[in-house]
Amino acid sequence: MLQKILNIGLAKSNEVHLNRKIRISNLISFITIIIMTGYIPVAIKFGVTGILILNVLMMLSALLSFYLNDKKRYHLSFYLASAYGLIYFILGTAIYGLSSNLHFFLLIMCLIAISLFKSNIALRFYIATAVVSFFVLVLTLSDGSSLYKIPAEYATIQKAISYLNLFLLFLITILFFVFFRRENLLFQSEIIKQKEIVEQKQKEIIDSIQYSKRIQQSLLPKEKYIEKVLKNIKK
């Protein structure tokens, strides 16, 4: 089931590195949907309209990413999903404050952008925006301020969610690198396989040439006979 989800939009005609990006994009979208499925009820419980809208839009962006990949609009999928992820974590931090630990996810978004973006200009702009936003949030909200004040009765839940966010940060980072390592190993395995095929074809060609050469040599007169004929001609 998971493999089918990860393979949405893949095509044999695509270059190997593009199919790898598509699989990474699908994995991120899948994780996003799972997390948002749990976070949307929390936003409803807290009664935070702003974060509820952000969560719903985050889930929709993940679904849209699947749709665009399926329609072969790969790079549009990569850019839109990454852009909204950046917006989500910036606004989420502004709403809940630094205690939510959402600002640390900006690092993950930079790693995702590095993996998916084709344009170096877009990548540099994205990373610069993420870094500047991170430090602006840290400096601005360092006094514990936020757009939404968690009611005292929800303080324990908010603290648990902040720890959960840190856990998810580590989990997603580990999954990202494990998946990326696995994709690289598969890519290397494919290269080795193609190399073996080329070497086998090369061996077949060389064997064919050697066989043709032996046939030609068997049909042609011996060198000694040719020399003898030439000497007789000269005489």
Protein backbone atom coordinates (compact mmCIF):
# COMPACT_ATOMS: atom_id res chain seq x y z
CA MET A 1 0.00 0.00 0.00
CA LEU A 2 2.74 2.43 0.99
CA GLN A 3 4.74 1.58 -2.12
CA LYS A 4 1.74 2.38 -4.31
CA ILE A 5 1.42 5.77 -2.59
CA LEU A 6 5.13 6.51 -2.98
CA ASN A 7 5.01 5.53 -6.67
CA ILE A 8 2.19 7.94 -7.60
CA GLY A 9 3.27 9.85 -10.69
CA LEU A 10 6.31 7.72 -11.47
CA ALA A 11 7.04 7.06 -15.15
CA LYS A 12 9.62 4.83 -16.81
CA SER A 13 10.34 7.64 -19.26
CA ASN A 14 11.47 9.91 -16.39
CA GLU A 15 15.11 10.23 -15.47
CA VAL A 16 16.08 8.24 -12.39
CA HIS A 17 16.78 11.31 -10.25
CA LEU A 18 13.35 12.77 -11.10
CA ASN A 19 11.56 9.59 -10.02
CA ARG A 20 13.55 9.73 -6.80
CA LYS A 21 12.34 13.29 -6.17
CA ILE A 22 8.75 12.23 -6.85
CA ARG A 23 9.01 9.44 -4.29
CA ILE A 24 10.47 11.84 -1.71
CA SER A 25 7.65 14.30 -2.43
CA ASN A 26 5.05 11.56 -2.01
CA LEU A 27 6.60 10.41 1.26
CA ILE A 28 6.50 13.96 2.65
CA SER A 29 2.88 14.37 1.57
CA PHE A 30 1.93 11.05 3.16
CA ILE A 31 3.58 11.98 6.48
CA THR A 32 1.92 15.42 6.34
CA ILE A 33 -1.55 13.91 5.92
CA ILE A 34 -0.99 11.52 8.84
CA ILE A 35 0.20 14.34 11.13
CA MET A 36 -2.55 16.75 10.10
CA THR A 37 -5.15 14.05 10.75
CA GLY A 38 -4.08 14.21 14.39
CA TYR A 39 -3.48 17.96 14.61
CA ILE A 40 -6.79 19.16 13.13
CA PRO A 41 -8.83 17.78 16.07
CA VAL A 42 -6.36 19.45 18.48
CA ALA A 43 -6.88 22.80 16.75
CA ILE A 44 -10.65 22.30 17.02
CA LYS A 45 -10.26 21.47 20.74
CA PHE A 46 -8.24 24.63 21.37
CA GLY A 47 -10.68 26.66 19.28
CA VAL A 48 -7.87 28.34 17.34
CA THR A 49 -9.43 29.24 14.00
CA GLY A 50 -6.17 30.44 12.49
CA ILE A 51 -4.21 27.26 13.14
CA LEU A 52 -7.22 25.13 12.18
CA ILE A 53 -7.30 26.82 8.78
CA LEU A 54 -3.53 26.34 8.44
CA ASN A 55 -3.83 22.64 9.28
CA VAL A 56 -6.66 22.07 6.82
CA LEU A 57 -4.75 23.92 4.09
CA MET A 58 -1.63 21.92 4.93
CA MET A 59 -3.54 18.68 4.39
CA LEU A 60 -5.03 20.01 1.16
CA SER A 61 -1.58 21.02 -0.08
CA ALA A 62 -0.39 17.45 0.53
CA LEU A 63 -3.36 16.05 -1.41
CA LEU A 64 -2.73 18.61 -4.16
CA SER A 65 0.88 17.45 -4.33
CA PHE A 66 -0.30 13.88 -4.98
CA TYR A 67 -2.66 15.16 -7.68
CA LEU A 68 0.00 17.25 -9.44
CA ASN A 69 2.49 14.38 -9.35
CA ASP A 70 -0.14 12.07 -10.84
CA LYS A 71 -0.72 14.65 -13.61
CA LYS A 72 3.04 14.85 -14.26
CA ARG A 73 3.24 18.46 -13.02
CA TYR A 74 6.17 17.52 -10.83
CA HIS A 75 8.05 20.76 -10.31
CA LEU A 76 4.85 22.72 -9.65
CA SER A 77 4.04 20.12 -7.00
CA PHE A 78 7.48 20.47 -5.41
CA TYR A 79 7.40 24.27 -5.30
CA LEU A 80 3.81 24.66 -4.05
CA ALA A 81 4.14 22.07 -1.27
CA SER A 82 7.47 23.51 -0.10
CA ALA A 83 6.17 27.08 -0.20
CA TYR A 84 3.10 26.27 1.86
CA GLY A 85 5.18 24.25 4.34
CA LEU A 86 7.33 27.32 4.89
CA ILE A 87 4.26 29.53 5.39
CA TYR A 88 2.68 26.98 7.74
CA PHE A 89 5.60 26.76 10.15
CA ILE A 90 6.20 30.52 10.16
CA LEU A 91 2.56 31.36 10.92
CA GLY A 92 2.19 28.37 13.26
CA THR A 93 5.12 29.62 15.34
CA ALA A 94 3.71 33.15 15.35
CA ILE A 95 0.33 31.86 16.59
CA TYR A 96 1.56 29.40 19.23
CA GLY A 97 4.95 30.93 20.09
CA LEU A 98 8.40 29.39 20.39
CA SER A 99 7.17 26.95 23.02
CA SER A 100 5.44 25.00 20.23
CA ASN A 101 8.85 24.19 18.70
CA LEU A 102 7.33 24.59 15.24
CA HIS A 103 10.11 26.96 14.15
CA PHE A 104 12.61 24.08 14.18
CA PHE A 105 10.71 22.51 11.28
CA LEU A 106 12.06 25.28 9.06
CA LEU A 107 15.29 23.26 8.99
CA ILE A 108 13.37 20.26 7.64
CA MET A 109 11.80 22.45 4.98
CA CYS A 110 15.27 23.56 3.84
CA LEU A 111 16.37 19.92 3.54
CA ILE A 112 13.24 19.12 1.55
CA ALA A 113 13.86 22.07 -0.76
CA ILE A 114 17.46 20.98 -1.33
CA SER A 115 16.20 17.54 -2.33
CA LEU A 116 13.41 18.71 -4.63
CA PHE A 117 14.21 22.08 -6.18
CA LYS A 118 15.60 22.22 -9.69
CA SER A 119 16.39 25.94 -9.83
CA ASN A 120 19.39 27.11 -7.81
CA ILE A 121 17.94 30.63 -7.68
CA ALA A 122 14.67 29.37 -6.20
CA LEU A 123 16.57 27.19 -3.74
CA ARG A 124 18.78 30.06 -2.52
CA PHE A 125 15.77 32.34 -2.13
CA TYR A 126 13.88 29.63 -0.25
CA ILE A 127 16.73 28.88 2.17
CA ALA A 128 17.40 32.59 2.75
CA THR A 129 13.71 33.15 3.54
CA ALA A 130 13.66 30.19 5.94
CA VAL A 131 16.82 31.28 7.78
CA VAL A 132 15.75 34.92 8.08
CA SER A 133 12.26 33.88 9.24
CA PHE A 134 13.73 31.53 11.85
CA PHE A 135 15.87 34.20 13.48
CA VAL A 136 13.15 36.87 13.23
CA LEU A 137 10.77 34.54 15.05
CA VAL A 138 13.35 33.65 17.70
CA LEU A 139 14.25 37.30 18.36
CA THR A 140 10.66 38.56 18.24
CA LEU A 141 9.05 35.84 20.34
CA SER A 142 11.89 35.20 22.79
CA ASP A 143 9.89 36.84 25.58
CA GLY A 144 7.25 34.12 25.30
CA SER A 145 4.75 36.21 23.36
CA SER A 146 2.44 34.76 20.69
CA LEU A 147 -0.69 35.69 18.78
CA TYR A 148 -2.74 33.17 20.75
CA LYS A 149 -2.64 32.71 24.49
CA ILE A 150 -3.25 29.12 25.53
CA PRO A 151 -5.89 28.94 28.33
CA ALA A 152 -4.47 27.78 31.65
CA GLU A 153 -6.50 24.56 31.56
CA TYR A 154 -4.82 23.63 28.26
CA ALA A 155 -1.27 24.42 29.39
CA THR A 156 -0.44 20.76 30.05
CA ILE A 157 -1.78 19.72 26.64
CA GLN A 158 0.21 22.49 24.95
CA LYS A 159 3.39 21.34 26.68
CA ALA A 160 2.75 17.75 25.59
CA ILE A 161 2.20 18.94 22.01
CA SER A 162 5.47 20.90 22.07
CA TYR A 163 7.31 17.72 23.10
CA LEU A 164 5.41 15.78 20.44
CA ASN A 165 6.56 18.34 17.86
CA LEU A 166 10.17 17.76 18.89
CA PHE A 167 9.64 14.01 18.63
CA LEU A 168 8.13 14.43 15.16
CA LEU A 169 11.06 16.66 14.19
CA PHE A 170 13.55 13.92 15.03
CA LEU A 171 11.35 11.19 13.53
CA ILE A 172 10.82 13.01 10.23
CA THR A 173 14.53 13.87 9.99
CA ILE A 174 15.49 10.23 10.55
CA LEU A 175 12.85 8.97 8.09
CA PHE A 176 13.98 11.52 5.54
CA PHE A 177 17.63 10.46 5.68
CA VAL A 178 16.83 6.73 5.88
CA PHE A 179 14.58 7.04 2.84
CA PHE A 180 17.13 9.17 1.01
CA ARG A 181 19.88 6.62 1.80
CA ARG A 182 17.65 3.79 0.57
CA GLU A 183 16.92 5.67 -2.67
CA ASN A 184 20.66 6.26 -3.20
CA LEU A 185 21.39 2.56 -2.65
CA LEU A 186 18.69 1.64 -5.18
CA PHE A 187 20.14 4.21 -7.59
CA GLN A 188 23.64 2.76 -7.17
CA SER A 189 22.27 -0.74 -7.63
CA GLU A 190 20.59 0.35 -10.87
CA ILE A 191 23.86 1.90 -12.09
CA ILE A 192 25.75 -1.34 -11.34
CA LYS A 193 23.05 -3.33 -13.13
CA GLN A 194 23.27 -1.09 -16.20
CA LYS A 195 27.06 -1.33 -16.11
CA GLU A 196 26.87 -5.13 -16.08
CA ILE A 197 24.47 -5.05 -19.04
CA VAL A 198 26.84 -2.77 -20.99
CA GLU A 199 29.82 -4.99 -20.17
CA GLN A 200 27.89 -8.09 -21.28
CA LYS A 201 26.91 -6.39 -24.57
CA GLN A 202 30.50 -5.30 -25.07
CA LYS A 203 31.71 -8.87 -24.49
CA GLU A 204 29.15 -10.18 -27.00
CA ILE A 205 30.32 -7.65 -29.60
CA ILE A 206 33.99 -8.53 -29.05
CA ASP A 207 33.22 -12.25 -29.26
CA SER A 208 31.29 -11.65 -32.48
CA ILE A 209 34.21 -9.71 -33.97
CA GLN A 210 36.65 -12.45 -32.96
CA TYR A 211 34.40 -15.12 -34.50
CA SER A 212 34.09 -13.14 -37.75
CA LYS A 213 37.82 -12.71 -37.81
CA ARG A 214 38.40 -16.44 -37.51
CA ILE A 215 35.93 -17.10 -40.35
CA GLN A 216 37.70 -14.59 -42.59
CA GLN A 217 41.08 -16.06 -41.77
CA SER A 218 39.83 -19.55 -42.61
CA LEU A 219 38.61 -18.37 -46.02
CA LEU A 220 41.67 -16.37 -46.98
CA PRO A 221 44.81 -18.07 -48.34
CA LYS A 222 47.71 -18.65 -45.99
CA GLU A 223 50.41 -15.98 -45.83
CA LYS A 224 53.10 -18.40 -47.06
CA TYR A 225 51.00 -19.27 -50.09
CA ILE A 226 50.50 -15.57 -50.91
CA GLU A 227 54.25 -14.93 -50.59
CA LYS A 228 55.00 -17.86 -52.89
CA VAL A 229 52.55 -16.60 -55.49
CA LEU A 230 54.00 -13.12 -55.35
CA LYS A 231 57.54 -14.44 -55.84
CA ASN A 232 56.43 -16.44 -58.86
CA ILE A 233 54.79 -13.34 -60.33
CA LYS A 234 58.00 -11.35 -59.90
CA LYS A 235 59.95 -14.04 -61.69
